[in-house]
Amino acid sequence: MIEIECYNLDGQDFSGHMPLAWAVHNKNAGDVKTLLDREGVNTSKPCNRGQTLLLIAARGEYEEVVKILL
């Protein structure tokens, strides 16, 4: 994990994914936990396709990440 102090954690890339969404996509439970510990991280904001973090994790069968998000 890179130092995250200077990044906009709710900033989105061209597909509408935030850093937390990429951690979920990569099944990186440690990064998901780290990002969730940051103040002001939006966990319910959907990507451009309308998918939430929990939906992405559940569809990908990322059990550990799903448990963290719940």
N, C-alpha and C. Protein backbone atom coordinates (compact mmCIF):
# COMPACT_ATOMS: atom_id res chain seq x y z
N MET A 1 0.85 -1.18 0.00
CA MET A 1 0.00 0.00 0.00
C MET A 1 0.89 1.23 0.00
N ILE A 2 0.55 2.16 -0.86
CA ILE A 2 1.29 3.41 -0.90
C ILE A 2 0.78 4.36 0.17
N GLU A 3 1.53 5.38 0.47
CA GLU A 3 1.09 6.39 1.42
C GLU A 3 -0.15 7.08 0.87
N ILE A 4 -1.20 7.17 1.67
CA ILE A 4 -2.47 7.67 1.16
C ILE A 4 -2.86 9.04 1.70
N GLU A 5 -1.99 9.67 2.46
CA GLU A 5 -2.33 10.96 3.07
C GLU A 5 -2.72 12.02 2.04
N CYS A 6 -2.09 12.03 0.88
CA CYS A 6 -2.28 13.15 -0.05
C CYS A 6 -3.23 12.82 -1.20
N TYR A 7 -3.93 11.72 -1.16
CA TYR A 7 -4.81 11.32 -2.25
C TYR A 7 -6.26 11.57 -1.91
N ASN A 8 -7.06 11.86 -2.93
CA ASN A 8 -8.50 11.99 -2.77
C ASN A 8 -9.09 10.58 -2.80
N LEU A 9 -9.46 10.06 -1.66
CA LEU A 9 -9.91 8.67 -1.57
C LEU A 9 -11.28 8.44 -2.18
N ASP A 10 -12.02 9.51 -2.45
CA ASP A 10 -13.30 9.38 -3.13
C ASP A 10 -13.20 9.80 -4.59
N GLY A 11 -12.00 10.12 -5.05
CA GLY A 11 -11.81 10.47 -6.45
C GLY A 11 -12.03 9.26 -7.34
N GLN A 12 -12.60 9.48 -8.51
CA GLN A 12 -12.93 8.38 -9.40
C GLN A 12 -12.09 8.45 -10.67
N ASP A 13 -11.78 7.27 -11.21
CA ASP A 13 -11.09 7.21 -12.49
C ASP A 13 -12.13 7.25 -13.62
N PHE A 14 -11.71 7.00 -14.85
CA PHE A 14 -12.61 7.08 -16.01
C PHE A 14 -13.80 6.15 -15.93
N SER A 15 -13.68 5.05 -15.18
CA SER A 15 -14.78 4.09 -15.07
C SER A 15 -15.63 4.31 -13.82
N GLY A 16 -15.28 5.34 -13.06
CA GLY A 16 -16.04 5.64 -11.85
C GLY A 16 -15.56 4.90 -10.63
N HIS A 17 -14.41 4.23 -10.72
CA HIS A 17 -13.89 3.49 -9.58
C HIS A 17 -13.00 4.36 -8.70
N MET A 18 -13.22 4.23 -7.41
CA MET A 18 -12.41 4.91 -6.40
C MET A 18 -11.31 3.95 -5.96
N PRO A 19 -10.30 4.44 -5.22
CA PRO A 19 -9.25 3.54 -4.74
C PRO A 19 -9.80 2.32 -3.99
N LEU A 20 -10.84 2.52 -3.20
CA LEU A 20 -11.43 1.41 -2.47
C LEU A 20 -12.01 0.37 -3.41
N ALA A 21 -12.60 0.80 -4.51
CA ALA A 21 -13.15 -0.14 -5.49
C ALA A 21 -12.04 -0.98 -6.11
N TRP A 22 -10.89 -0.37 -6.37
CA TRP A 22 -9.78 -1.13 -6.94
C TRP A 22 -9.25 -2.15 -5.93
N ALA A 23 -9.24 -1.80 -4.66
CA ALA A 23 -8.82 -2.76 -3.63
C ALA A 23 -9.80 -3.94 -3.60
N VAL A 24 -11.10 -3.65 -3.74
CA VAL A 24 -12.11 -4.71 -3.77
C VAL A 24 -11.90 -5.57 -5.02
N HIS A 25 -11.75 -4.95 -6.18
CA HIS A 25 -11.53 -5.70 -7.42
C HIS A 25 -10.31 -6.62 -7.34
N ASN A 26 -9.29 -6.16 -6.65
CA ASN A 26 -8.05 -6.94 -6.53
C ASN A 26 -8.07 -7.92 -5.37
N LYS A 27 -9.22 -8.04 -4.71
CA LYS A 27 -9.40 -8.96 -3.58
C LYS A 27 -8.37 -8.70 -2.49
N ASN A 28 -7.99 -7.45 -2.32
CA ASN A 28 -6.95 -7.10 -1.36
C ASN A 28 -7.60 -6.66 -0.04
N ALA A 29 -7.87 -7.63 0.81
CA ALA A 29 -8.57 -7.38 2.07
C ALA A 29 -7.80 -6.40 2.96
N GLY A 30 -6.48 -6.48 2.97
CA GLY A 30 -5.68 -5.57 3.78
C GLY A 30 -5.84 -4.12 3.35
N ASP A 31 -5.81 -3.88 2.04
CA ASP A 31 -6.00 -2.53 1.54
C ASP A 31 -7.43 -2.05 1.77
N VAL A 32 -8.40 -2.95 1.65
CA VAL A 32 -9.79 -2.58 1.92
C VAL A 32 -9.90 -2.11 3.36
N LYS A 33 -9.34 -2.85 4.30
CA LYS A 33 -9.39 -2.47 5.72
C LYS A 33 -8.71 -1.13 5.94
N THR A 34 -7.54 -0.95 5.34
CA THR A 34 -6.79 0.30 5.51
C THR A 34 -7.59 1.49 5.00
N LEU A 35 -8.17 1.35 3.82
CA LEU A 35 -8.95 2.44 3.24
C LEU A 35 -10.22 2.72 4.04
N LEU A 36 -10.85 1.67 4.56
CA LEU A 36 -12.06 1.87 5.36
C LEU A 36 -11.77 2.58 6.67
N ASP A 37 -10.54 2.46 7.15
CA ASP A 37 -10.15 3.14 8.38
C ASP A 37 -9.95 4.64 8.19
N ARG A 38 -9.87 5.07 6.94
CA ARG A 38 -9.67 6.48 6.64
C ARG A 38 -10.99 7.23 6.81
N GLU A 39 -10.92 8.42 7.34
CA GLU A 39 -12.11 9.23 7.55
C GLU A 39 -12.67 9.74 6.22
N GLY A 40 -13.96 9.65 6.07
CA GLY A 40 -14.63 10.23 4.92
C GLY A 40 -14.69 9.38 3.67
N VAL A 41 -14.30 8.11 3.76
CA VAL A 41 -14.36 7.24 2.58
C VAL A 41 -15.81 6.83 2.36
N ASN A 42 -16.29 7.02 1.15
CA ASN A 42 -17.68 6.73 0.80
C ASN A 42 -17.77 5.27 0.33
N THR A 43 -18.45 4.44 1.09
CA THR A 43 -18.57 3.02 0.73
C THR A 43 -19.82 2.71 -0.07
N SER A 44 -20.72 3.67 -0.21
CA SER A 44 -21.97 3.38 -0.91
C SER A 44 -22.06 4.04 -2.29
N LYS A 45 -21.05 4.79 -2.67
CA LYS A 45 -21.07 5.47 -3.97
C LYS A 45 -20.85 4.45 -5.09
N PRO A 46 -21.80 4.34 -6.02
CA PRO A 46 -21.65 3.36 -7.11
C PRO A 46 -20.70 3.86 -8.20
N CYS A 47 -20.17 2.93 -8.96
CA CYS A 47 -19.35 3.28 -10.12
C CYS A 47 -20.26 3.72 -11.26
N ASN A 48 -19.67 4.03 -12.40
CA ASN A 48 -20.46 4.49 -13.56
C ASN A 48 -21.47 3.46 -14.04
N ARG A 49 -21.24 2.19 -13.70
CA ARG A 49 -22.16 1.12 -14.10
C ARG A 49 -23.22 0.84 -13.04
N GLY A 50 -23.22 1.65 -11.98
CA GLY A 50 -24.21 1.50 -10.92
C GLY A 50 -23.89 0.43 -9.90
N GLN A 51 -22.69 -0.09 -9.92
CA GLN A 51 -22.32 -1.16 -8.99
C GLN A 51 -21.68 -0.58 -7.73
N THR A 52 -22.15 -1.05 -6.59
CA THR A 52 -21.56 -0.66 -5.32
C THR A 52 -20.41 -1.61 -4.99
N LEU A 53 -19.63 -1.24 -3.99
CA LEU A 53 -18.51 -2.07 -3.58
C LEU A 53 -18.97 -3.46 -3.14
N LEU A 54 -20.05 -3.49 -2.39
CA LEU A 54 -20.56 -4.78 -1.91
C LEU A 54 -21.02 -5.65 -3.07
N LEU A 55 -21.66 -5.07 -4.05
CA LEU A 55 -22.09 -5.83 -5.22
C LEU A 55 -20.89 -6.38 -5.99
N ILE A 56 -19.88 -5.56 -6.17
CA ILE A 56 -18.66 -6.00 -6.86
C ILE A 56 -18.04 -7.19 -6.13
N ALA A 57 -17.92 -7.07 -4.82
CA ALA A 57 -17.31 -8.13 -4.02
C ALA A 57 -18.16 -9.40 -4.03
N ALA A 58 -19.48 -9.24 -3.91
CA ALA A 58 -20.36 -10.41 -3.88
C ALA A 58 -20.39 -11.13 -5.23
N ARG A 59 -20.46 -10.39 -6.32
CA ARG A 59 -20.46 -11.01 -7.65
C ARG A 59 -19.16 -11.74 -7.94
N GLY A 60 -18.07 -11.20 -7.41
CA GLY A 60 -16.77 -11.83 -7.63
C GLY A 60 -16.47 -12.93 -6.63
N GLU A 61 -17.40 -13.16 -5.71
CA GLU A 61 -17.24 -14.17 -4.67
C GLU A 61 -15.99 -13.93 -3.84
N TYR A 62 -15.75 -12.67 -3.50
CA TYR A 62 -14.61 -12.28 -2.66
C TYR A 62 -15.07 -12.31 -1.20
N GLU A 63 -15.22 -13.50 -0.64
CA GLU A 63 -15.84 -13.69 0.67
C GLU A 63 -15.22 -12.84 1.76
N GLU A 64 -13.91 -12.81 1.82
CA GLU A 64 -13.24 -12.05 2.89
C GLU A 64 -13.56 -10.56 2.77
N VAL A 65 -13.57 -10.05 1.56
CA VAL A 65 -13.87 -8.64 1.34
C VAL A 65 -15.34 -8.36 1.65
N VAL A 66 -16.24 -9.25 1.27
CA VAL A 66 -17.65 -9.08 1.59
C VAL A 66 -17.83 -8.97 3.09
N LYS A 67 -17.19 -9.83 3.85
CA LYS A 67 -17.30 -9.79 5.32
C LYS A 67 -16.82 -8.46 5.87
N ILE A 68 -15.74 -7.93 5.31
CA ILE A 68 -15.21 -6.65 5.77
C ILE A 68 -16.20 -5.53 5.47
N LEU A 69 -16.79 -5.56 4.29
CA LEU A 69 -17.72 -4.50 3.90
C LEU A 69 -19.03 -4.53 4.67
N LEU A 70 -19.41 -5.70 5.15
CA LEU A 70 -20.64 -5.79 5.94
C LEU A 70 -20.37 -5.30 7.33
